[in-house]
Amino acid sequence: MEKVREVIQYKGYFEEFLLKQPKKVQDKIFKVIEIIETFERVPSTYLKALVGTK
């Protein structure tokens, strides 16, 4: 699938968090990132807007 956006990490926080997770959870996280990168409209099941922010 073609990417419609790019997900980037801020500093090393994500990698630090990811490495603490079991392999099964890491796989789920990568699947959600793949969905965010490839779907034009990401279902709210995977990503919701933050309320009360600009």
PDB file of N, CA and C in Angstrom:
ATOM      1  N   MET A   1       0.832  -1.189   0.000  1.00  0.00           N
ATOM      2  CA  MET A   1       0.000   0.000   0.000  1.00  0.00           C
ATOM      3  C   MET A   1       0.873   1.246   0.000  1.00  0.00           C
ATOM      4  N   GLU A   2       0.351   2.280  -0.582  1.00  0.00           N
ATOM      5  CA  GLU A   2       1.071   3.540  -0.658  1.00  0.00           C
ATOM      6  C   GLU A   2       0.825   4.365   0.603  1.00  0.00           C
ATOM      7  N   LYS A   3       1.861   4.987   1.108  1.00  0.00           N
ATOM      8  CA  LYS A   3       1.734   5.825   2.305  1.00  0.00           C
ATOM      9  C   LYS A   3       1.126   7.170   1.936  1.00  0.00           C
ATOM     10  N   VAL A   4       0.188   7.634   2.774  1.00  0.00           N
ATOM     11  CA  VAL A   4      -0.411   8.956   2.586  1.00  0.00           C
ATOM     12  C   VAL A   4       0.111   9.943   3.629  1.00  0.00           C
ATOM     13  N   ARG A   5       0.790   9.438   4.653  1.00  0.00           N
ATOM     14  CA  ARG A   5       1.404  10.294   5.672  1.00  0.00           C
ATOM     15  C   ARG A   5       2.561   9.536   6.301  1.00  0.00           C
ATOM     16  N   GLU A   6       3.369  10.247   7.039  1.00  0.00           N
ATOM     17  CA  GLU A   6       4.528   9.644   7.690  1.00  0.00           C
ATOM     18  C   GLU A   6       4.396   9.818   9.199  1.00  0.00           C
ATOM     19  N   VAL A   7       4.606   8.751   9.935  1.00  0.00           N
ATOM     20  CA  VAL A   7       4.591   8.796  11.395  1.00  0.00           C
ATOM     21  C   VAL A   7       6.041   8.890  11.852  1.00  0.00           C
ATOM     22  N   ILE A   8       6.336   9.891  12.667  1.00  0.00           N
ATOM     23  CA  ILE A   8       7.690  10.067  13.183  1.00  0.00           C
ATOM     24  C   ILE A   8       7.649  10.044  14.701  1.00  0.00           C
ATOM     25  N   GLN A   9       8.769   9.687  15.302  1.00  0.00           N
ATOM     26  CA  GLN A   9       8.826   9.663  16.757  1.00  0.00           C
ATOM     27  C   GLN A   9       9.494  10.925  17.281  1.00  0.00           C
ATOM     28  N   TYR A  10       9.133  11.298  18.486  1.00  0.00           N
ATOM     29  CA  TYR A  10       9.721  12.469  19.142  1.00  0.00           C
ATOM     30  C   TYR A  10      10.781  11.983  20.111  1.00  0.00           C
ATOM     31  N   LYS A  11      12.002  12.409  19.883  1.00  0.00           N
ATOM     32  CA  LYS A  11      13.158  12.002  20.700  1.00  0.00           C
ATOM     33  C   LYS A  11      13.194  10.480  20.783  1.00  0.00           C
ATOM     34  N   GLY A  12      13.468   9.906  21.947  1.00  0.00           N
ATOM     35  CA  GLY A  12      13.556   8.460  22.076  1.00  0.00           C
ATOM     36  C   GLY A  12      12.435   7.878  22.911  1.00  0.00           C
ATOM     37  N   TYR A  13      11.407   8.699  23.174  1.00  0.00           N
ATOM     38  CA  TYR A  13      10.342   8.264  24.079  1.00  0.00           C
ATOM     39  C   TYR A  13       9.599   7.036  23.549  1.00  0.00           C
ATOM     40  N   PHE A  14       9.259   7.056  22.273  1.00  0.00           N
ATOM     41  CA  PHE A  14       8.490   5.946  21.712  1.00  0.00           C
ATOM     42  C   PHE A  14       9.306   4.667  21.714  1.00  0.00           C
ATOM     43  N   GLU A  15      10.545   4.741  21.269  1.00  0.00           N
ATOM     44  CA  GLU A  15      11.389   3.547  21.215  1.00  0.00           C
ATOM     45  C   GLU A  15      11.579   2.956  22.609  1.00  0.00           C
ATOM     46  N   GLU A  16      11.779   3.816  23.586  1.00  0.00           N
ATOM     47  CA  GLU A  16      11.936   3.374  24.976  1.00  0.00           C
ATOM     48  C   GLU A  16      10.671   2.648  25.454  1.00  0.00           C
ATOM     49  N   PHE A  17       9.518   3.237  25.160  1.00  0.00           N
ATOM     50  CA  PHE A  17       8.239   2.627  25.519  1.00  0.00           C
ATOM     51  C   PHE A  17       8.045   1.299  24.790  1.00  0.00           C
ATOM     52  N   LEU A  18       8.322   1.287  23.489  1.00  0.00           N
ATOM     53  CA  LEU A  18       8.099   0.106  22.662  1.00  0.00           C
ATOM     54  C   LEU A  18       8.924  -1.087  23.125  1.00  0.00           C
ATOM     55  N   LEU A  19      10.170  -0.848  23.461  1.00  0.00           N
ATOM     56  CA  LEU A  19      11.054  -1.944  23.858  1.00  0.00           C
ATOM     57  C   LEU A  19      10.634  -2.588  25.181  1.00  0.00           C
ATOM     58  N   LYS A  20       9.854  -1.873  25.984  1.00  0.00           N
ATOM     59  CA  LYS A  20       9.365  -2.424  27.253  1.00  0.00           C
ATOM     60  C   LYS A  20       8.145  -3.316  27.060  1.00  0.00           C
ATOM     61  N   GLN A  21       7.551  -3.301  25.861  1.00  0.00           N
ATOM     62  CA  GLN A  21       6.321  -4.043  25.592  1.00  0.00           C
ATOM     63  C   GLN A  21       6.637  -5.471  25.134  1.00  0.00           C
ATOM     64  N   PRO A  22       5.729  -6.417  25.432  1.00  0.00           N
ATOM     65  CA  PRO A  22       5.892  -7.777  24.905  1.00  0.00           C
ATOM     66  C   PRO A  22       5.798  -7.773  23.378  1.00  0.00           C
ATOM     67  N   LYS A  23       6.337  -8.793  22.751  1.00  0.00           N
ATOM     68  CA  LYS A  23       6.366  -8.890  21.293  1.00  0.00           C
ATOM     69  C   LYS A  23       4.969  -8.768  20.688  1.00  0.00           C
ATOM     70  N   LYS A  24       3.979  -9.383  21.293  1.00  0.00           N
ATOM     71  CA  LYS A  24       2.613  -9.341  20.776  1.00  0.00           C
ATOM     72  C   LYS A  24       2.067  -7.908  20.761  1.00  0.00           C
ATOM     73  N   VAL A  25       2.344  -7.149  21.799  1.00  0.00           N
ATOM     74  CA  VAL A  25       1.898  -5.753  21.886  1.00  0.00           C
ATOM     75  C   VAL A  25       2.657  -4.902  20.869  1.00  0.00           C
ATOM     76  N   GLN A  26       3.953  -5.150  20.701  1.00  0.00           N
ATOM     77  CA  GLN A  26       4.741  -4.432  19.704  1.00  0.00           C
ATOM     78  C   GLN A  26       4.155  -4.634  18.310  1.00  0.00           C
ATOM     79  N   ASP A  27       3.765  -5.859  17.996  1.00  0.00           N
ATOM     80  CA  ASP A  27       3.160  -6.159  16.695  1.00  0.00           C
ATOM     81  C   ASP A  27       1.871  -5.367  16.488  1.00  0.00           C
ATOM     82  N   LYS A  28       1.049  -5.268  17.533  1.00  0.00           N
ATOM     83  CA  LYS A  28      -0.198  -4.503  17.447  1.00  0.00           C
ATOM     84  C   LYS A  28       0.092  -3.020  17.221  1.00  0.00           C
ATOM     85  N   ILE A  29       1.092  -2.492  17.919  1.00  0.00           N
ATOM     86  CA  ILE A  29       1.462  -1.078  17.772  1.00  0.00           C
ATOM     87  C   ILE A  29       1.905  -0.805  16.340  1.00  0.00           C
ATOM     88  N   PHE A  30       2.742  -1.684  15.790  1.00  0.00           N
ATOM     89  CA  PHE A  30       3.210  -1.504  14.413  1.00  0.00           C
ATOM     90  C   PHE A  30       2.066  -1.594  13.410  1.00  0.00           C
ATOM     91  N   LYS A  31       1.087  -2.446  13.678  1.00  0.00           N
ATOM     92  CA  LYS A  31      -0.071  -2.573  12.789  1.00  0.00           C
ATOM     93  C   LYS A  31      -0.876  -1.260  12.794  1.00  0.00           C
ATOM     94  N   VAL A  32      -1.075  -0.673  13.955  1.00  0.00           N
ATOM     95  CA  VAL A  32      -1.813   0.590  14.048  1.00  0.00           C
ATOM     96  C   VAL A  32      -1.042   1.707  13.340  1.00  0.00           C
ATOM     97  N   ILE A  33       0.275   1.733  13.506  1.00  0.00           N
ATOM     98  CA  ILE A  33       1.082   2.742  12.807  1.00  0.00           C
ATOM     99  C   ILE A  33       0.960   2.556  11.296  1.00  0.00           C
ATOM    100  N   GLU A  34       0.972   1.328  10.835  1.00  0.00           N
ATOM    101  CA  GLU A  34       0.810   1.046   9.408  1.00  0.00           C
ATOM    102  C   GLU A  34      -0.546   1.548   8.897  1.00  0.00           C
ATOM    103  N   ILE A  35      -1.590   1.346   9.671  1.00  0.00           N
ATOM    104  CA  ILE A  35      -2.928   1.819   9.297  1.00  0.00           C
ATOM    105  C   ILE A  35      -2.946   3.345   9.220  1.00  0.00           C
ATOM    106  N   ILE A  36      -2.356   4.003  10.209  1.00  0.00           N
ATOM    107  CA  ILE A  36      -2.312   5.466  10.222  1.00  0.00           C
ATOM    108  C   ILE A  36      -1.568   5.996   8.996  1.00  0.00           C
ATOM    109  N   GLU A  37      -0.495   5.321   8.603  1.00  0.00           N
ATOM    110  CA  GLU A  37       0.304   5.777   7.468  1.00  0.00           C
ATOM    111  C   GLU A  37      -0.361   5.526   6.113  1.00  0.00           C
ATOM    112  N   THR A  38      -1.192   4.500   6.001  1.00  0.00           N
ATOM    113  CA  THR A  38      -1.694   4.107   4.680  1.00  0.00           C
ATOM    114  C   THR A  38      -3.145   4.479   4.405  1.00  0.00           C
ATOM    115  N   PHE A  39      -3.976   4.611   5.421  1.00  0.00           N
ATOM    116  CA  PHE A  39      -5.386   4.938   5.191  1.00  0.00           C
ATOM    117  C   PHE A  39      -5.560   6.440   5.051  1.00  0.00           C
ATOM    118  N   GLU A  40      -6.293   6.865   4.054  1.00  0.00           N
ATOM    119  CA  GLU A  40      -6.579   8.288   3.865  1.00  0.00           C
ATOM    120  C   GLU A  40      -7.406   8.815   5.040  1.00  0.00           C
ATOM    121  N   ARG A  41      -8.436   8.073   5.410  1.00  0.00           N
ATOM    122  CA  ARG A  41      -9.281   8.432   6.555  1.00  0.00           C
ATOM    123  C   ARG A  41      -9.122   7.330   7.601  1.00  0.00           C
ATOM    124  N   VAL A  42      -8.467   7.648   8.696  1.00  0.00           N
ATOM    125  CA  VAL A  42      -8.193   6.669   9.744  1.00  0.00           C
ATOM    126  C   VAL A  42      -9.439   6.512  10.612  1.00  0.00           C
ATOM    127  N   PRO A  43      -9.956   5.273  10.757  1.00  0.00           N
ATOM    128  CA  PRO A  43     -11.136   5.058  11.601  1.00  0.00           C
ATOM    129  C   PRO A  43     -10.867   5.469  13.051  1.00  0.00           C
ATOM    130  N   SER A  44     -11.885   5.981  13.717  1.00  0.00           N
ATOM    131  CA  SER A  44     -11.716   6.441  15.096  1.00  0.00           C
ATOM    132  C   SER A  44     -11.392   5.283  16.039  1.00  0.00           C
ATOM    133  N   THR A  45     -11.559   4.057  15.592  1.00  0.00           N
ATOM    134  CA  THR A  45     -11.162   2.895  16.380  1.00  0.00           C
ATOM    135  C   THR A  45      -9.659   2.930  16.647  1.00  0.00           C
ATOM    136  N   TYR A  46      -8.898   3.462  15.691  1.00  0.00           N
ATOM    137  CA  TYR A  46      -7.456   3.480  15.789  1.00  0.00           C
ATOM    138  C   TYR A  46      -6.891   4.812  16.256  1.00  0.00           C
ATOM    139  N   LEU A  47      -7.589   5.904  15.962  1.00  0.00           N
ATOM    140  CA  LEU A  47      -7.046   7.221  16.260  1.00  0.00           C
ATOM    141  C   LEU A  47      -8.187   8.210  16.479  1.00  0.00           C
ATOM    142  N   LYS A  48      -8.199   8.839  17.641  1.00  0.00           N
ATOM    143  CA  LYS A  48      -9.238   9.814  17.931  1.00  0.00           C
ATOM    144  C   LYS A  48      -8.602  11.184  18.120  1.00  0.00           C
ATOM    145  N   ALA A  49      -9.337  12.226  17.767  1.00  0.00           N
ATOM    146  CA  ALA A  49      -8.869  13.594  17.938  1.00  0.00           C
ATOM    147  C   ALA A  49      -8.823  13.930  19.417  1.00  0.00           C
ATOM    148  N   LEU A  50      -7.849  14.756  19.810  1.00  0.00           N
ATOM    149  CA  LEU A  50      -7.778  15.229  21.185  1.00  0.00           C
ATOM    150  C   LEU A  50      -8.809  16.330  21.367  1.00  0.00           C
ATOM    151  N   VAL A  51      -9.578  16.241  22.438  1.00  0.00           N
ATOM    152  CA  VAL A  51     -10.624  17.223  22.706  1.00  0.00           C
ATOM    153  C   VAL A  51     -10.042  18.317  23.595  1.00  0.00           C
ATOM    154  N   GLY A  52     -10.381  19.566  23.300  1.00  0.00           N
ATOM    155  CA  GLY A  52      -9.946  20.681  24.123  1.00  0.00           C
ATOM    156  C   GLY A  52      -8.559  21.198  23.780  1.00  0.00           C
ATOM    157  N   THR A  53      -8.052  20.867  22.590  1.00  0.00           N
ATOM    158  CA  THR A  53      -6.748  21.371  22.162  1.00  0.00           C
ATOM    159  C   THR A  53      -6.887  22.098  20.842  1.00  0.00           C
ATOM    160  N   LYS A  54      -5.896  22.880  20.505  1.00  0.00           N
ATOM    161  CA  LYS A  54      -5.898  23.584  19.218  1.00  0.00           C
ATOM    162  C   LYS A  54      -5.197  22.759  18.171  1.00  0.00           C
TER     163      LYS A  54
END
